[in-house]
N, C-alpha and C. Protein backbone atom coordinates (compact mmCIF):
# COMPACT_ATOMS: atom_id res chain seq x y z
N ALA A 1 -0.59 30.05 -21.13
CA ALA A 1 -1.73 30.56 -20.17
C ALA A 1 -2.99 30.16 -20.77
N ASP A 2 -3.12 30.00 -22.23
CA ASP A 2 -4.39 29.61 -22.76
C ASP A 2 -4.69 28.02 -22.59
N GLN A 3 -3.57 27.32 -22.58
CA GLN A 3 -3.75 25.87 -22.40
C GLN A 3 -4.03 25.66 -20.94
N LEU A 4 -3.54 26.35 -19.97
CA LEU A 4 -3.86 26.31 -18.54
C LEU A 4 -5.35 26.58 -18.42
N ARG A 5 -5.76 27.62 -18.92
CA ARG A 5 -7.25 28.16 -18.89
C ARG A 5 -8.15 26.99 -19.42
N ASP A 6 -7.69 26.32 -20.58
CA ASP A 6 -8.54 25.42 -21.03
C ASP A 6 -8.53 24.17 -20.20
N LEU A 7 -7.55 23.70 -19.68
CA LEU A 7 -7.31 22.59 -18.78
C LEU A 7 -8.10 22.88 -17.62
N LEU A 8 -8.09 23.92 -16.94
CA LEU A 8 -8.88 24.30 -15.81
C LEU A 8 -10.36 24.17 -16.11
N ALA A 9 -10.76 24.78 -17.14
CA ALA A 9 -12.18 24.60 -17.54
C ALA A 9 -12.63 23.21 -17.70
N SER A 10 -11.71 22.33 -18.19
CA SER A 10 -12.06 20.93 -18.39
C SER A 10 -12.23 20.23 -17.14
N TYR A 11 -11.24 20.63 -16.29
CA TYR A 11 -11.19 20.04 -14.85
C TYR A 11 -12.40 20.39 -14.12
N TRP A 12 -12.77 21.66 -14.05
CA TRP A 12 -13.89 22.05 -13.26
C TRP A 12 -15.19 21.47 -13.86
N ALA A 13 -15.28 21.20 -15.15
CA ALA A 13 -16.49 20.67 -15.71
C ALA A 13 -16.60 19.21 -15.31
N VAL A 14 -15.58 18.46 -15.04
CA VAL A 14 -15.61 17.03 -14.80
C VAL A 14 -15.15 16.64 -13.40
N GLN A 15 -14.72 17.60 -12.49
CA GLN A 15 -14.11 17.20 -11.36
C GLN A 15 -14.80 16.40 -10.45
N ASP A 16 -16.14 16.37 -10.36
CA ASP A 16 -16.98 15.58 -9.47
C ASP A 16 -17.04 14.14 -10.18
N ASP A 17 -16.71 14.04 -11.47
CA ASP A 17 -16.98 12.66 -11.97
C ASP A 17 -15.57 12.11 -12.41
N LEU A 18 -14.47 12.71 -11.90
CA LEU A 18 -13.19 11.93 -12.09
C LEU A 18 -13.05 10.73 -11.28
N PRO A 19 -12.59 9.55 -11.76
CA PRO A 19 -12.32 8.42 -11.00
C PRO A 19 -11.38 8.67 -9.80
N ARG A 20 -11.48 7.91 -8.75
CA ARG A 20 -10.59 8.12 -7.64
C ARG A 20 -9.12 7.94 -8.16
N ARG A 21 -8.91 7.13 -9.07
CA ARG A 21 -7.48 6.86 -9.46
C ARG A 21 -6.91 8.26 -10.17
N VAL A 22 -7.84 8.91 -10.97
CA VAL A 22 -7.31 10.18 -11.66
C VAL A 22 -7.23 11.31 -10.61
N ARG A 23 -8.07 11.29 -9.57
CA ARG A 23 -7.94 12.34 -8.56
C ARG A 23 -6.62 12.14 -7.88
N ALA A 24 -6.31 10.88 -7.52
CA ALA A 24 -5.11 10.50 -6.76
C ALA A 24 -3.93 10.91 -7.64
N ALA A 25 -3.90 10.67 -8.82
CA ALA A 25 -2.69 10.96 -9.87
C ALA A 25 -2.55 12.39 -9.93
N THR A 26 -3.63 13.03 -10.06
CA THR A 26 -3.61 14.71 -10.16
C THR A 26 -2.97 15.20 -8.98
N LEU A 27 -3.37 14.70 -7.81
CA LEU A 27 -2.74 15.32 -6.70
C LEU A 27 -1.17 15.10 -6.65
N ARG A 28 -0.72 13.87 -7.19
CA ARG A 28 0.83 13.55 -7.25
C ARG A 28 1.43 14.45 -8.23
N VAL A 29 0.67 14.70 -9.25
CA VAL A 29 1.14 15.57 -10.43
C VAL A 29 1.63 17.00 -9.75
N GLU A 30 0.77 17.41 -9.08
CA GLU A 30 0.93 18.91 -8.44
C GLU A 30 2.04 18.70 -7.44
N TYR A 31 1.99 17.70 -6.59
CA TYR A 31 2.98 17.62 -5.39
C TYR A 31 4.35 17.37 -5.96
N ALA A 32 4.48 16.53 -7.02
CA ALA A 32 5.74 16.28 -7.63
C ALA A 32 6.45 17.66 -8.15
N GLY A 33 5.61 18.43 -8.86
CA GLY A 33 6.12 19.72 -9.42
C GLY A 33 6.73 20.53 -8.43
N TRP A 34 6.37 20.44 -7.13
CA TRP A 34 7.06 21.42 -6.11
C TRP A 34 8.32 20.85 -5.46
N SER A 35 8.68 19.50 -5.88
CA SER A 35 9.84 18.85 -5.32
C SER A 35 11.10 19.25 -6.10
N PRO A 36 12.06 19.94 -5.43
CA PRO A 36 13.38 20.18 -6.12
C PRO A 36 14.37 18.99 -6.31
N TRP A 37 14.11 17.87 -5.65
CA TRP A 37 15.00 16.73 -5.52
C TRP A 37 14.33 15.51 -6.24
N ALA A 38 15.15 15.13 -7.06
CA ALA A 38 14.60 13.99 -7.96
C ALA A 38 14.43 12.76 -7.08
N ASP A 39 15.22 12.51 -6.06
CA ASP A 39 15.22 11.22 -5.36
C ASP A 39 13.81 11.38 -4.47
N ALA A 40 13.46 12.53 -4.07
CA ALA A 40 12.29 12.75 -3.34
C ALA A 40 10.99 12.74 -4.19
N MET A 41 11.15 13.24 -5.40
CA MET A 41 10.12 13.38 -6.45
C MET A 41 9.65 11.86 -6.92
N LEU A 42 10.70 11.10 -6.93
CA LEU A 42 10.55 9.67 -7.67
C LEU A 42 9.34 8.99 -7.02
N PRO A 43 9.32 8.80 -5.66
CA PRO A 43 8.14 7.87 -5.17
C PRO A 43 6.85 8.56 -5.41
N THR A 44 6.83 9.98 -5.40
CA THR A 44 5.49 10.57 -5.80
C THR A 44 5.04 10.21 -7.23
N LEU A 45 6.02 10.25 -8.02
CA LEU A 45 5.67 9.91 -9.51
C LEU A 45 5.32 8.60 -9.74
N VAL A 46 6.07 7.66 -9.05
CA VAL A 46 5.73 6.20 -9.23
C VAL A 46 4.36 5.99 -8.56
N GLY A 47 4.19 6.65 -7.40
CA GLY A 47 2.81 6.44 -6.76
C GLY A 47 1.68 6.93 -7.54
N GLY A 48 1.94 8.09 -8.35
CA GLY A 48 0.82 8.62 -9.18
C GLY A 48 0.62 7.71 -10.32
N LEU A 49 1.53 7.11 -10.88
CA LEU A 49 1.35 6.13 -11.97
C LEU A 49 0.70 4.72 -11.45
N GLU A 50 1.15 4.45 -10.15
CA GLU A 50 0.44 3.23 -9.59
C GLU A 50 -0.92 3.52 -9.40
N ALA A 51 -1.25 4.74 -8.86
CA ALA A 51 -2.73 5.07 -8.51
C ALA A 51 -3.55 4.84 -9.96
N LEU A 52 -2.99 5.12 -11.05
CA LEU A 52 -3.65 5.04 -12.21
C LEU A 52 -3.65 3.58 -12.81
N LEU A 53 -2.60 2.82 -12.63
CA LEU A 53 -2.43 1.57 -13.36
C LEU A 53 -2.36 0.39 -12.65
N LYS A 54 -2.11 0.33 -11.31
CA LYS A 54 -2.02 -0.82 -10.56
C LYS A 54 -3.51 -1.52 -10.23
N THR A 55 -3.54 -2.73 -10.64
CA THR A 55 -4.86 -3.53 -10.61
C THR A 55 -4.79 -4.72 -9.57
N GLU A 56 -3.58 -5.04 -9.29
CA GLU A 56 -3.40 -6.22 -8.40
C GLU A 56 -2.47 -5.90 -7.30
N GLN A 57 -2.61 -6.45 -6.03
CA GLN A 57 -1.68 -6.41 -4.93
C GLN A 57 -0.33 -6.97 -5.23
N HIS A 58 -0.36 -8.00 -5.88
CA HIS A 58 0.94 -8.64 -6.19
C HIS A 58 1.58 -8.08 -7.59
N ALA A 59 2.85 -8.36 -7.71
CA ALA A 59 3.51 -8.08 -8.95
C ALA A 59 3.37 -6.59 -9.39
N ALA A 60 3.52 -5.80 -8.23
CA ALA A 60 3.51 -4.29 -8.51
C ALA A 60 4.48 -3.77 -9.30
N SER A 61 5.80 -4.35 -9.15
CA SER A 61 6.81 -3.84 -10.10
C SER A 61 6.49 -4.23 -11.55
N ARG A 62 6.15 -5.46 -11.79
CA ARG A 62 5.90 -6.01 -13.07
C ARG A 62 4.73 -5.08 -13.67
N GLN A 63 3.75 -4.68 -12.96
CA GLN A 63 2.67 -3.93 -13.46
C GLN A 63 3.14 -2.54 -13.98
N PHE A 64 4.16 -2.06 -13.13
CA PHE A 64 4.63 -0.69 -13.27
C PHE A 64 5.58 -0.74 -14.50
N THR A 65 6.54 -1.75 -14.65
CA THR A 65 7.44 -1.78 -15.69
C THR A 65 6.71 -2.09 -17.04
N THR A 66 5.59 -2.70 -17.10
CA THR A 66 4.94 -3.16 -18.23
C THR A 66 4.09 -2.08 -18.64
N ARG A 67 3.17 -1.62 -17.87
CA ARG A 67 2.05 -0.47 -18.09
C ARG A 67 2.73 0.88 -18.40
N VAL A 68 3.58 1.37 -17.65
CA VAL A 68 4.07 2.61 -17.88
C VAL A 68 4.84 2.92 -19.28
N PRO A 69 5.58 1.99 -19.62
CA PRO A 69 6.04 2.09 -21.17
C PRO A 69 4.83 2.11 -22.28
N LEU A 70 3.84 1.28 -21.95
CA LEU A 70 2.73 1.22 -22.82
C LEU A 70 1.92 2.56 -22.94
N VAL A 71 1.74 3.07 -21.65
CA VAL A 71 1.07 4.36 -21.60
C VAL A 71 1.86 5.50 -22.12
N ALA A 72 3.16 5.45 -21.96
CA ALA A 72 4.05 6.54 -22.45
C ALA A 72 3.97 6.52 -24.03
N GLU A 73 4.06 5.29 -24.65
CA GLU A 73 3.90 5.15 -26.09
C GLU A 73 2.64 5.72 -26.51
N GLU A 74 1.49 5.24 -25.96
CA GLU A 74 0.32 5.75 -26.24
C GLU A 74 0.26 7.25 -26.34
N LEU A 75 0.82 7.95 -25.21
CA LEU A 75 0.76 9.40 -25.06
C LEU A 75 1.91 10.04 -25.94
N GLY A 76 2.74 9.32 -26.66
CA GLY A 76 3.67 9.93 -27.47
C GLY A 76 4.85 10.32 -26.88
N ILE A 77 5.41 9.80 -25.83
CA ILE A 77 6.41 10.13 -24.90
C ILE A 77 7.46 8.91 -25.09
N ASP A 78 8.58 9.28 -25.68
CA ASP A 78 9.54 8.15 -26.04
C ASP A 78 10.65 8.06 -24.86
N GLY A 79 11.29 7.09 -24.73
CA GLY A 79 12.37 6.81 -23.93
C GLY A 79 12.18 6.23 -22.46
N LEU A 80 10.99 5.76 -22.26
CA LEU A 80 10.69 5.06 -21.14
C LEU A 80 10.43 3.61 -21.38
N SER A 81 11.54 2.81 -21.53
CA SER A 81 11.38 1.45 -21.65
C SER A 81 11.16 0.63 -20.41
N ALA A 82 10.88 -0.69 -20.48
CA ALA A 82 10.72 -1.47 -19.28
C ALA A 82 11.99 -1.35 -18.40
N SER A 83 13.15 -1.37 -18.98
CA SER A 83 14.33 -1.43 -18.28
C SER A 83 14.61 -0.16 -17.51
N VAL A 84 14.29 1.04 -18.07
CA VAL A 84 14.30 2.41 -17.56
C VAL A 84 13.37 2.27 -16.19
N CYS A 85 12.23 1.92 -16.57
CA CYS A 85 11.09 1.91 -15.58
C CYS A 85 11.48 0.89 -14.33
N LYS A 86 12.07 -0.19 -14.72
CA LYS A 86 12.49 -1.07 -13.63
C LYS A 86 13.65 -0.33 -12.78
N ARG A 87 14.69 0.34 -13.41
CA ARG A 87 15.65 0.99 -12.60
C ARG A 87 14.93 2.05 -11.64
N LEU A 88 13.99 2.88 -12.25
CA LEU A 88 13.44 3.87 -11.48
C LEU A 88 12.52 3.22 -10.34
N TYR A 89 11.87 2.18 -10.62
CA TYR A 89 10.97 1.63 -9.64
C TYR A 89 11.92 1.10 -8.42
N LYS A 90 13.05 0.45 -8.81
CA LYS A 90 13.99 -0.03 -7.82
C LYS A 90 14.53 1.17 -6.85
N ALA A 91 14.92 2.34 -7.39
CA ALA A 91 15.32 3.50 -6.77
C ALA A 91 14.20 3.87 -5.95
N ARG A 92 12.98 3.96 -6.37
CA ARG A 92 11.80 4.53 -5.50
C ARG A 92 11.65 3.60 -4.35
N SER A 93 11.75 2.21 -4.57
CA SER A 93 11.60 1.22 -3.48
C SER A 93 12.61 1.47 -2.43
N GLU A 94 13.88 1.56 -2.91
CA GLU A 94 15.01 1.87 -1.98
C GLU A 94 14.72 3.05 -1.07
N TRP A 95 14.33 4.33 -1.75
CA TRP A 95 14.11 5.39 -0.92
C TRP A 95 12.81 5.32 0.07
N VAL A 96 11.77 4.74 -0.39
CA VAL A 96 10.53 4.57 0.50
C VAL A 96 10.81 3.51 1.64
N HIS A 97 11.87 2.71 1.53
CA HIS A 97 12.07 1.72 2.50
C HIS A 97 13.39 2.09 3.26
N GLY A 98 13.69 3.38 3.18
CA GLY A 98 14.74 3.91 4.12
C GLY A 98 16.24 3.80 3.72
N ALA A 99 16.45 3.43 2.55
CA ALA A 99 17.79 3.25 2.05
C ALA A 99 18.26 4.65 1.45
N HIS A 100 19.46 4.87 1.51
CA HIS A 100 20.09 5.97 0.72
C HIS A 100 19.93 5.71 -0.70
N VAL A 101 19.50 6.53 -1.53
CA VAL A 101 19.27 6.28 -2.85
C VAL A 101 20.37 7.13 -3.64
N ARG A 102 21.24 6.50 -4.29
CA ARG A 102 22.33 6.95 -5.09
C ARG A 102 21.89 6.84 -6.48
N LEU A 103 21.14 7.89 -7.06
CA LEU A 103 20.72 7.76 -8.51
C LEU A 103 21.92 7.79 -9.45
N PHE A 104 22.92 8.47 -9.13
CA PHE A 104 24.17 8.46 -9.96
C PHE A 104 25.44 8.56 -9.05
N SER A 105 26.44 8.37 -9.62
CA SER A 105 27.77 8.23 -8.87
C SER A 105 28.46 9.42 -8.30
N GLY A 106 27.97 10.65 -8.59
CA GLY A 106 28.57 11.77 -8.10
C GLY A 106 29.04 12.63 -9.18
N LEU A 107 29.71 13.57 -8.94
CA LEU A 107 30.27 14.61 -10.03
C LEU A 107 31.29 14.09 -10.87
N GLY A 108 32.05 13.07 -10.53
CA GLY A 108 33.03 12.26 -11.39
C GLY A 108 33.61 13.15 -12.57
N ASP A 109 33.12 13.03 -13.71
CA ASP A 109 33.79 13.71 -14.89
C ASP A 109 33.35 15.09 -15.09
N VAL A 110 32.70 15.84 -14.17
CA VAL A 110 32.51 17.18 -14.25
C VAL A 110 33.78 18.01 -14.17
N ASP A 111 34.10 18.84 -15.19
CA ASP A 111 35.26 19.71 -15.05
C ASP A 111 34.83 20.83 -14.05
N ALA A 112 35.93 21.20 -13.18
CA ALA A 112 35.68 22.19 -12.19
C ALA A 112 35.29 23.56 -12.75
N ALA A 113 35.70 23.79 -13.99
CA ALA A 113 35.23 25.07 -14.62
C ALA A 113 33.83 25.18 -14.95
N GLU A 114 33.31 23.94 -15.02
CA GLU A 114 31.80 23.90 -15.37
C GLU A 114 30.93 24.35 -14.20
N GLY A 115 31.57 24.31 -13.15
CA GLY A 115 30.74 24.80 -11.88
C GLY A 115 29.94 23.69 -11.25
N ALA A 116 29.36 24.08 -10.00
CA ALA A 116 28.70 23.09 -9.18
C ALA A 116 27.32 22.66 -9.72
N GLY A 117 26.79 23.44 -10.72
CA GLY A 117 25.51 23.14 -11.26
C GLY A 117 25.62 22.18 -12.42
N ALA A 118 26.81 21.92 -12.83
CA ALA A 118 27.06 20.99 -13.95
C ALA A 118 26.66 19.51 -13.65
N HIS A 119 26.25 18.79 -14.72
CA HIS A 119 25.96 17.37 -14.48
C HIS A 119 26.72 16.66 -15.44
N THR A 120 27.07 15.31 -14.84
CA THR A 120 27.82 14.29 -15.66
C THR A 120 26.65 13.68 -16.68
N GLY A 121 27.13 12.96 -17.70
CA GLY A 121 26.28 12.31 -18.62
C GLY A 121 25.33 11.38 -17.82
N GLU A 122 25.82 10.66 -16.89
CA GLU A 122 25.06 9.81 -16.04
C GLU A 122 23.92 10.51 -15.43
N GLN A 123 24.24 11.62 -14.74
CA GLN A 123 23.23 12.50 -14.01
C GLN A 123 22.22 12.91 -14.95
N ARG A 124 22.65 13.38 -16.19
CA ARG A 124 21.67 13.89 -17.14
C ARG A 124 20.76 12.78 -17.52
N THR A 125 21.22 11.69 -17.70
CA THR A 125 20.36 10.59 -18.11
C THR A 125 19.30 10.21 -17.11
N VAL A 126 19.79 10.08 -15.83
CA VAL A 126 18.80 9.91 -14.75
C VAL A 126 17.68 11.00 -14.54
N LEU A 127 18.27 12.28 -14.76
CA LEU A 127 17.34 13.40 -14.60
C LEU A 127 16.24 13.37 -15.76
N THR A 128 16.77 13.03 -16.90
CA THR A 128 15.93 13.04 -18.08
C THR A 128 14.92 11.82 -17.93
N ASP A 129 15.30 10.72 -17.38
CA ASP A 129 14.44 9.67 -17.27
C ASP A 129 13.29 9.92 -16.25
N ILE A 130 13.66 10.62 -15.16
CA ILE A 130 12.74 11.06 -14.10
C ILE A 130 11.72 12.12 -14.80
N ALA A 131 12.34 12.95 -15.65
CA ALA A 131 11.43 14.04 -16.27
C ALA A 131 10.53 13.44 -17.13
N ARG A 132 10.91 12.24 -17.84
CA ARG A 132 10.02 11.60 -18.79
C ARG A 132 8.93 10.83 -18.00
N LEU A 133 9.31 10.36 -16.74
CA LEU A 133 8.17 9.65 -15.89
C LEU A 133 7.17 10.77 -15.50
N GLN A 134 7.78 11.97 -15.17
CA GLN A 134 6.84 13.00 -14.79
C GLN A 134 5.94 13.40 -15.97
N ASP A 135 6.52 13.50 -17.32
CA ASP A 135 5.82 13.85 -18.32
C ASP A 135 4.67 12.83 -18.59
N VAL A 136 4.96 11.50 -18.39
CA VAL A 136 3.87 10.43 -18.57
C VAL A 136 2.77 10.70 -17.49
N LEU A 137 3.07 10.91 -16.36
CA LEU A 137 2.11 11.20 -15.17
C LEU A 137 1.13 12.30 -15.61
N ARG A 138 1.91 13.39 -15.94
CA ARG A 138 1.30 14.65 -16.15
C ARG A 138 0.30 14.47 -17.49
N ALA A 139 0.73 13.90 -18.50
CA ALA A 139 -0.04 13.74 -19.73
C ALA A 139 -1.10 12.72 -19.54
N ALA A 140 -0.98 11.75 -18.78
CA ALA A 140 -2.17 10.89 -18.55
C ALA A 140 -3.18 11.44 -17.67
N ALA A 141 -2.72 12.23 -16.71
CA ALA A 141 -3.80 12.84 -15.89
C ALA A 141 -4.54 13.96 -16.79
N ARG A 142 -3.77 14.65 -17.60
CA ARG A 142 -4.40 15.60 -18.44
C ARG A 142 -5.42 15.05 -19.36
N LYS A 143 -4.82 13.98 -20.01
CA LYS A 143 -5.88 13.30 -21.03
C LYS A 143 -7.04 12.65 -20.36
N ALA A 144 -6.86 12.21 -19.04
CA ALA A 144 -8.09 11.72 -18.38
C ALA A 144 -9.05 12.79 -18.02
N ILE A 145 -8.48 13.95 -17.73
CA ILE A 145 -9.48 15.09 -17.49
C ILE A 145 -10.05 15.63 -18.73
N GLU A 146 -9.40 15.68 -19.85
CA GLU A 146 -9.98 16.16 -21.13
C GLU A 146 -10.62 15.22 -22.06
N ASP A 147 -10.23 13.95 -21.89
CA ASP A 147 -10.79 12.79 -22.79
C ASP A 147 -11.74 11.91 -22.13
N GLU A 148 -13.10 11.98 -22.30
CA GLU A 148 -13.91 11.15 -21.53
C GLU A 148 -13.70 9.51 -21.77
N GLU A 149 -13.39 9.25 -22.99
CA GLU A 149 -13.11 7.85 -23.27
C GLU A 149 -11.73 7.29 -22.48
N PHE A 150 -10.87 8.11 -22.44
CA PHE A 150 -9.62 7.72 -21.71
C PHE A 150 -9.83 7.71 -20.32
N ARG A 151 -10.66 8.69 -19.81
CA ARG A 151 -11.05 8.72 -18.39
C ARG A 151 -11.70 7.56 -17.94
N ALA A 152 -12.61 7.02 -18.78
CA ALA A 152 -13.39 5.90 -18.41
C ALA A 152 -12.53 4.60 -18.27
N VAL A 153 -11.41 4.60 -18.72
CA VAL A 153 -10.60 3.36 -18.67
C VAL A 153 -10.24 3.20 -17.04
N PHE A 154 -10.21 4.27 -16.43
CA PHE A 154 -9.72 4.34 -15.00
C PHE A 154 -10.83 4.07 -13.92
N THR A 155 -12.11 3.76 -14.46
CA THR A 155 -13.21 3.48 -13.62
C THR A 155 -13.28 2.01 -13.15
N GLN A 156 -12.54 1.15 -13.95
CA GLN A 156 -12.57 -0.35 -13.65
C GLN A 156 -11.24 -1.03 -13.83
N HIS A 157 -10.85 -1.87 -12.99
CA HIS A 157 -9.60 -2.72 -13.15
C HIS A 157 -9.75 -3.32 -14.46
N ASP A 158 -10.68 -3.93 -14.97
CA ASP A 158 -10.69 -4.87 -16.14
C ASP A 158 -10.42 -3.96 -17.38
N ARG A 159 -10.80 -2.72 -17.23
CA ARG A 159 -10.55 -1.81 -18.41
C ARG A 159 -9.02 -1.39 -18.46
N ILE A 160 -8.42 -1.24 -17.39
CA ILE A 160 -6.98 -1.00 -17.37
C ILE A 160 -6.20 -2.28 -17.76
N ARG A 161 -6.68 -3.45 -17.36
CA ARG A 161 -5.91 -4.65 -17.69
C ARG A 161 -6.05 -4.97 -19.22
N GLU A 162 -7.31 -4.64 -19.73
CA GLU A 162 -7.60 -4.89 -21.08
C GLU A 162 -6.68 -3.92 -22.07
N ARG A 163 -6.59 -2.63 -21.69
CA ARG A 163 -5.88 -1.58 -22.49
C ARG A 163 -4.41 -1.85 -22.42
N TRP A 164 -3.92 -2.04 -21.17
CA TRP A 164 -2.46 -2.28 -21.02
C TRP A 164 -2.20 -3.78 -20.21
N PRO A 165 -2.25 -4.66 -21.02
CA PRO A 165 -2.12 -5.98 -20.32
C PRO A 165 -0.84 -6.29 -19.78
N VAL A 166 -0.80 -7.12 -18.67
CA VAL A 166 0.32 -7.47 -17.96
C VAL A 166 0.24 -9.12 -17.79
N ASP A 167 1.41 -9.74 -18.09
CA ASP A 167 1.41 -11.13 -17.83
C ASP A 167 1.74 -11.25 -16.27
N LEU A 168 0.74 -11.69 -15.56
CA LEU A 168 0.93 -11.92 -14.06
C LEU A 168 1.21 -13.28 -13.65
N THR A 169 1.51 -14.10 -14.54
CA THR A 169 1.89 -15.40 -14.25
C THR A 169 3.21 -15.38 -13.35
N PRO A 170 3.32 -16.09 -12.23
CA PRO A 170 4.62 -16.13 -11.41
C PRO A 170 5.73 -16.76 -12.33
N PRO A 171 6.86 -15.94 -12.09
CA PRO A 171 7.97 -16.51 -12.90
C PRO A 171 8.37 -18.03 -12.32
N ARG A 172 8.89 -18.71 -13.23
CA ARG A 172 9.14 -20.34 -12.91
C ARG A 172 10.43 -20.20 -12.21
N GLN A 173 10.55 -21.04 -11.19
CA GLN A 173 11.65 -21.10 -10.32
C GLN A 173 12.60 -22.25 -10.79
């Protein structure tokens, strides 16, 4: 409760000065928190991180898979490698383009005695990865609210590019 009080006080003090990117990300933090389904939450989380980090119209997935792990590392959140981000971004893309998203293969090795709420190792991994993605979005939005220097990064594309660089050279064919 004390942390929430302090965060709200910080937010109210700077809400009119928040960069558009941070406002968009903050809305997605809130919205994602209400979704009980990981596949439906995933596009919201990716969208929130793209609101913060995407600076070019092209190479969106490369920007995401490069910058999100860098931001996660800076915020002290482990476990979000480029390969994990690539898998999550692909699942997000499938979902928003109308495909059925199968984040994991099903109940498979769950013992019937464990019950319907039990998860396989694969399911726990996917849910943990999505939770980490949510942690990164939440922590980045919070830091942008509470830390003026961090917030300033999101005012200009060049500042984002400088802090979390991405090689946007097209791959050779």
